[in-house]
Amino acid sequence: MVAGQPHFFENLVKQQSPEYLWIGCSDSRVPANEIVDLAPGELFVHRNVANVVVHTDLNCLSVLQYAVDVLHVKHIIVTGHYGCGGVRTVLDGDKLGLIDNWLRHVGDVYQKHREIVDAAGKAAAPDRLCELNVIEQALHIAETTIVQDAWARGRPVSIHGWLYSLRDGLLRDTGFWVDSLGALAVSYKRAVDLVRAAGSGVERRASVNA
């Protein structure tokens, strides 16, 4: 880094002012900064298996609260990825141990939208569940007191639901994009309807300017 940018670390130590919070999967093939081409200091990141947001997970909520109230991020991006091992485990009914308790949250998404997932057929079902899981987790973000209090104060905070594809390196928009409580129900329904209508995956290119 120093060979290419002599002042890289000198500048890095002076700043942490990201506009974006990325909530993604722990999968080693899905590195947040590299995917969105942002330098260190420009993206605040929280990762866990299957990019799950649980209202009792103080780790995730602490990251969210710090990002919104202290760093004043403008965009919260929940990013899943096609080929997610956690999603596949849920669909296959495999038992892996302690992590099965965590993946129960993805199982809840499957039960909620089982008709859509099963109707997609065996080959496409994992992709549909990946998409629906992102939408549900983005909804959970919007339902937190942290985000709703920020909206009540007039803070400009937008929530996005994206999917990353290991097959082509592209980000796709699930259709979930919301920046106010009043728009939440419409955004959620739009995103779920897009998944229901999808034949071979969500094809909208992702953008925080959606």
Protein backbone atom coordinates (compact mmCIF):
# COMPACT_ATOMS: atom_id res chain seq x y z
CA MET A 1 0.00 0.00 0.00
CA VAL A 2 2.77 2.42 0.91
CA ALA A 3 4.59 1.72 -2.33
CA GLY A 4 1.54 2.78 -4.30
CA GLN A 5 0.17 5.40 -1.89
CA PRO A 6 2.91 6.79 0.38
CA HIS A 7 0.45 8.58 2.69
CA PHE A 8 -2.19 5.82 2.86
CA PHE A 9 -1.84 4.95 6.57
CA GLU A 10 -1.18 8.54 7.57
CA ASN A 11 -4.54 9.51 6.07
CA LEU A 12 -6.36 6.39 7.24
CA VAL A 13 -5.63 6.92 10.92
CA LYS A 14 -7.27 10.37 10.77
CA GLN A 15 -10.68 9.31 9.57
CA GLN A 16 -13.69 7.10 9.97
CA SER A 17 -16.58 8.83 8.28
CA PRO A 18 -18.42 6.17 6.25
CA GLU A 19 -21.74 6.92 4.60
CA TYR A 20 -22.59 3.23 4.35
CA LEU A 21 -23.27 0.37 6.75
CA TRP A 22 -22.94 -3.08 5.15
CA ILE A 23 -24.65 -6.02 6.84
CA GLY A 24 -23.54 -9.13 5.03
CA CYS A 25 -22.70 -12.81 5.27
CA SER A 26 -19.54 -14.14 6.90
CA ASP A 27 -18.76 -16.17 3.76
CA SER A 28 -15.08 -15.69 2.92
CA ARG A 29 -15.95 -15.23 -0.74
CA VAL A 30 -18.01 -12.09 -0.06
CA PRO A 31 -15.61 -9.32 1.07
CA ALA A 32 -17.60 -6.12 1.49
CA ASN A 33 -15.07 -3.40 0.60
CA GLU A 34 -13.81 -5.19 -2.49
CA ILE A 35 -17.31 -5.82 -3.83
CA VAL A 36 -18.38 -2.17 -3.68
CA ASP A 37 -14.88 -0.84 -4.39
CA LEU A 38 -14.67 1.37 -1.32
CA ALA A 39 -11.47 2.08 0.57
CA PRO A 40 -10.95 1.38 4.29
CA GLY A 41 -12.78 4.06 6.27
CA GLU A 42 -15.59 4.38 3.73
CA LEU A 43 -17.70 1.35 4.70
CA PHE A 44 -18.81 0.26 8.19
CA VAL A 45 -19.29 -3.51 8.22
CA HIS A 46 -21.15 -6.15 10.22
CA ARG A 47 -21.11 -9.78 9.07
CA ASN A 48 -22.64 -12.97 10.35
CA VAL A 49 -23.70 -16.32 8.92
CA ALA A 50 -26.52 -15.76 6.38
CA ASN A 51 -26.66 -11.98 7.00
CA VAL A 52 -29.33 -12.29 9.68
CA VAL A 53 -30.73 -9.36 11.70
CA VAL A 54 -32.32 -10.43 14.98
CA HIS A 55 -33.92 -7.98 17.40
CA THR A 56 -32.27 -9.71 20.38
CA ASP A 57 -28.77 -9.74 18.84
CA LEU A 58 -27.00 -6.99 20.79
CA ASN A 59 -23.91 -7.36 18.61
CA CYS A 60 -25.77 -6.43 15.44
CA LEU A 61 -27.91 -3.80 17.16
CA SER A 62 -24.83 -2.16 18.69
CA VAL A 63 -23.22 -1.90 15.26
CA LEU A 64 -26.45 -0.46 13.85
CA GLN A 65 -26.84 2.07 16.66
CA TYR A 66 -23.23 3.22 16.41
CA ALA A 67 -23.49 3.52 12.65
CA VAL A 68 -26.71 5.53 12.74
CA ASP A 69 -26.28 7.68 15.85
CA VAL A 70 -22.52 8.21 15.99
CA LEU A 71 -21.18 7.78 12.46
CA HIS A 72 -24.37 9.16 10.87
CA VAL A 73 -24.37 6.75 7.95
CA LYS A 74 -26.88 7.55 5.24
CA HIS A 75 -27.33 4.09 3.76
CA ILE A 76 -27.77 0.68 5.39
CA ILE A 77 -27.23 -2.13 2.91
CA VAL A 78 -28.27 -5.69 3.76
CA THR A 79 -26.43 -7.90 1.29
CA GLY A 80 -26.95 -11.61 0.88
CA HIS A 81 -25.37 -13.76 -1.78
CA TYR A 82 -26.47 -16.52 -4.10
CA GLY A 83 -24.97 -19.85 -3.13
CA CYS A 84 -25.21 -19.08 0.61
CA GLY A 85 -24.30 -22.18 2.61
CA GLY A 86 -26.62 -21.20 5.46
CA VAL A 87 -29.60 -20.94 3.15
CA ARG A 88 -28.73 -24.24 1.49
CA THR A 89 -28.47 -25.94 4.89
CA VAL A 90 -31.98 -24.80 5.79
CA LEU A 91 -33.45 -26.07 2.53
CA ASP A 92 -31.62 -29.39 2.72
CA GLY A 93 -32.58 -29.90 6.36
CA ASP A 94 -28.99 -30.66 7.34
CA LYS A 95 -27.87 -30.58 10.97
CA LEU A 96 -24.50 -28.95 11.67
CA GLY A 97 -24.59 -28.37 15.43
CA LEU A 98 -24.78 -25.12 17.35
CA ILE A 99 -25.23 -23.07 14.17
CA ASP A 100 -28.59 -24.78 13.58
CA ASN A 101 -30.01 -22.50 16.28
CA TRP A 102 -28.83 -19.42 14.40
CA LEU A 103 -30.09 -20.70 11.07
CA ARG A 104 -33.51 -21.17 12.63
CA HIS A 105 -34.04 -17.51 11.72
CA VAL A 106 -33.55 -18.35 8.04
CA GLY A 107 -35.88 -21.29 8.57
CA ASP A 108 -38.52 -18.86 9.79
CA VAL A 109 -38.17 -16.92 6.53
CA TYR A 110 -38.62 -20.16 4.61
CA GLN A 111 -41.77 -21.05 6.52
CA LYS A 112 -43.19 -17.57 5.98
CA HIS A 113 -42.61 -17.70 2.22
CA ARG A 114 -42.63 -21.43 1.62
CA GLU A 115 -45.17 -21.20 -1.19
CA ILE A 116 -42.92 -18.88 -3.22
CA VAL A 117 -39.75 -20.86 -2.57
CA ASP A 118 -41.22 -24.27 -3.30
CA ALA A 119 -42.97 -23.01 -6.43
CA ALA A 120 -39.60 -21.99 -7.86
CA GLY A 121 -38.51 -25.62 -8.19
CA LYS A 122 -35.56 -27.38 -6.63
CA ALA A 123 -32.89 -25.70 -8.75
CA ALA A 124 -34.10 -22.12 -8.21
CA ALA A 125 -35.38 -22.49 -4.65
CA PRO A 126 -32.05 -21.54 -2.98
CA ASP A 127 -31.87 -18.29 -4.98
CA ARG A 128 -35.45 -17.38 -4.08
CA LEU A 129 -34.80 -18.03 -0.38
CA CYS A 130 -31.59 -15.98 -0.53
CA GLU A 131 -33.60 -13.06 -1.94
CA LEU A 132 -36.44 -13.39 0.54
CA ASN A 133 -34.00 -13.69 3.43
CA VAL A 134 -32.40 -10.38 2.47
CA ILE A 135 -35.80 -8.71 2.22
CA GLU A 136 -36.85 -9.97 5.63
CA GLN A 137 -33.59 -8.90 7.28
CA ALA A 138 -33.84 -5.45 5.67
CA LEU A 139 -37.38 -5.24 7.05
CA HIS A 140 -36.04 -6.10 10.50
CA ILE A 141 -33.59 -3.20 10.23
CA ALA A 142 -36.42 -0.83 9.37
CA GLU A 143 -38.45 -2.11 12.33
CA THR A 144 -35.75 -1.35 14.92
CA THR A 145 -36.22 1.54 17.33
CA ILE A 146 -32.78 2.75 16.22
CA VAL A 147 -33.86 3.42 12.65
CA GLN A 148 -37.39 4.50 13.45
CA ASP A 149 -36.16 7.01 16.03
CA ALA A 150 -33.68 8.36 13.47
CA TRP A 151 -36.48 8.79 10.94
CA ALA A 152 -38.59 10.55 13.59
CA ARG A 153 -35.72 13.00 14.11
CA GLY A 154 -35.61 13.68 10.38
CA ARG A 155 -32.34 11.83 9.78
CA PRO A 156 -31.79 10.78 6.14
CA VAL A 157 -31.32 7.01 6.47
CA SER A 158 -32.10 4.64 3.61
CA ILE A 159 -32.24 0.84 3.79
CA HIS A 160 -31.42 -1.33 0.80
CA GLY A 161 -31.65 -5.07 0.14
CA TRP A 162 -29.06 -6.45 -2.28
CA LEU A 163 -27.83 -9.81 -3.54
CA TYR A 164 -24.26 -10.56 -4.64
CA SER A 165 -23.65 -13.27 -7.19
CA LEU A 166 -20.57 -15.44 -6.95
CA ARG A 167 -21.20 -16.49 -10.53
CA ASP A 168 -20.61 -13.11 -12.16
CA GLY A 169 -19.47 -10.69 -9.42
CA LEU A 170 -22.51 -8.43 -9.84
CA LEU A 171 -24.78 -6.91 -7.21
CA ARG A 172 -28.52 -7.11 -7.77
CA ASP A 173 -31.28 -5.05 -6.18
CA THR A 174 -34.12 -6.99 -4.53
CA GLY A 175 -36.44 -4.01 -4.93
CA PHE A 176 -36.42 -3.28 -1.20
CA TRP A 177 -35.54 0.36 -0.70
CA VAL A 178 -37.04 2.52 2.03
CA ASP A 179 -36.21 5.84 3.68
CA SER A 180 -39.29 6.40 5.85
CA LEU A 181 -41.71 4.46 8.00
CA GLY A 182 -44.63 5.41 5.77
CA ALA A 183 -43.03 3.76 2.73
CA LEU A 184 -42.12 0.52 4.48
CA ALA A 185 -45.18 -1.59 3.69
CA VAL A 186 -45.16 -0.64 0.01
CA SER A 187 -41.44 -1.32 -0.36
CA TYR A 188 -41.71 -4.69 1.35
CA LYS A 189 -44.63 -5.81 -0.81
CA ARG A 190 -42.88 -4.66 -3.99
CA ALA A 191 -39.76 -6.64 -3.16
CA VAL A 192 -41.64 -9.83 -2.27
CA ASP A 193 -43.73 -9.54 -5.44
CA LEU A 194 -40.54 -9.26 -7.50
CA VAL A 195 -39.25 -12.49 -6.01
CA ARG A 196 -42.59 -14.18 -6.63
CA ALA A 197 -42.44 -13.14 -10.28
CA ALA A 198 -38.77 -13.97 -10.75
CA GLY A 199 -37.98 -16.69 -13.24
CA SER A 200 -34.20 -16.79 -13.07
CA GLY A 201 -33.32 -14.31 -10.35
CA VAL A 202 -33.49 -10.64 -9.53
CA GLU A 203 -31.96 -8.78 -12.44
CA ARG A 204 -32.05 -5.17 -11.24
CA ARG A 205 -28.56 -3.76 -10.85
CA ALA A 206 -27.98 -2.49 -7.34
CA SER A 207 -27.57 1.21 -6.62
CA VAL A 208 -27.97 3.33 -3.50
CA ASN A 209 -29.61 5.89 -5.77
CA ALA A 210 -32.53 3.55 -6.57
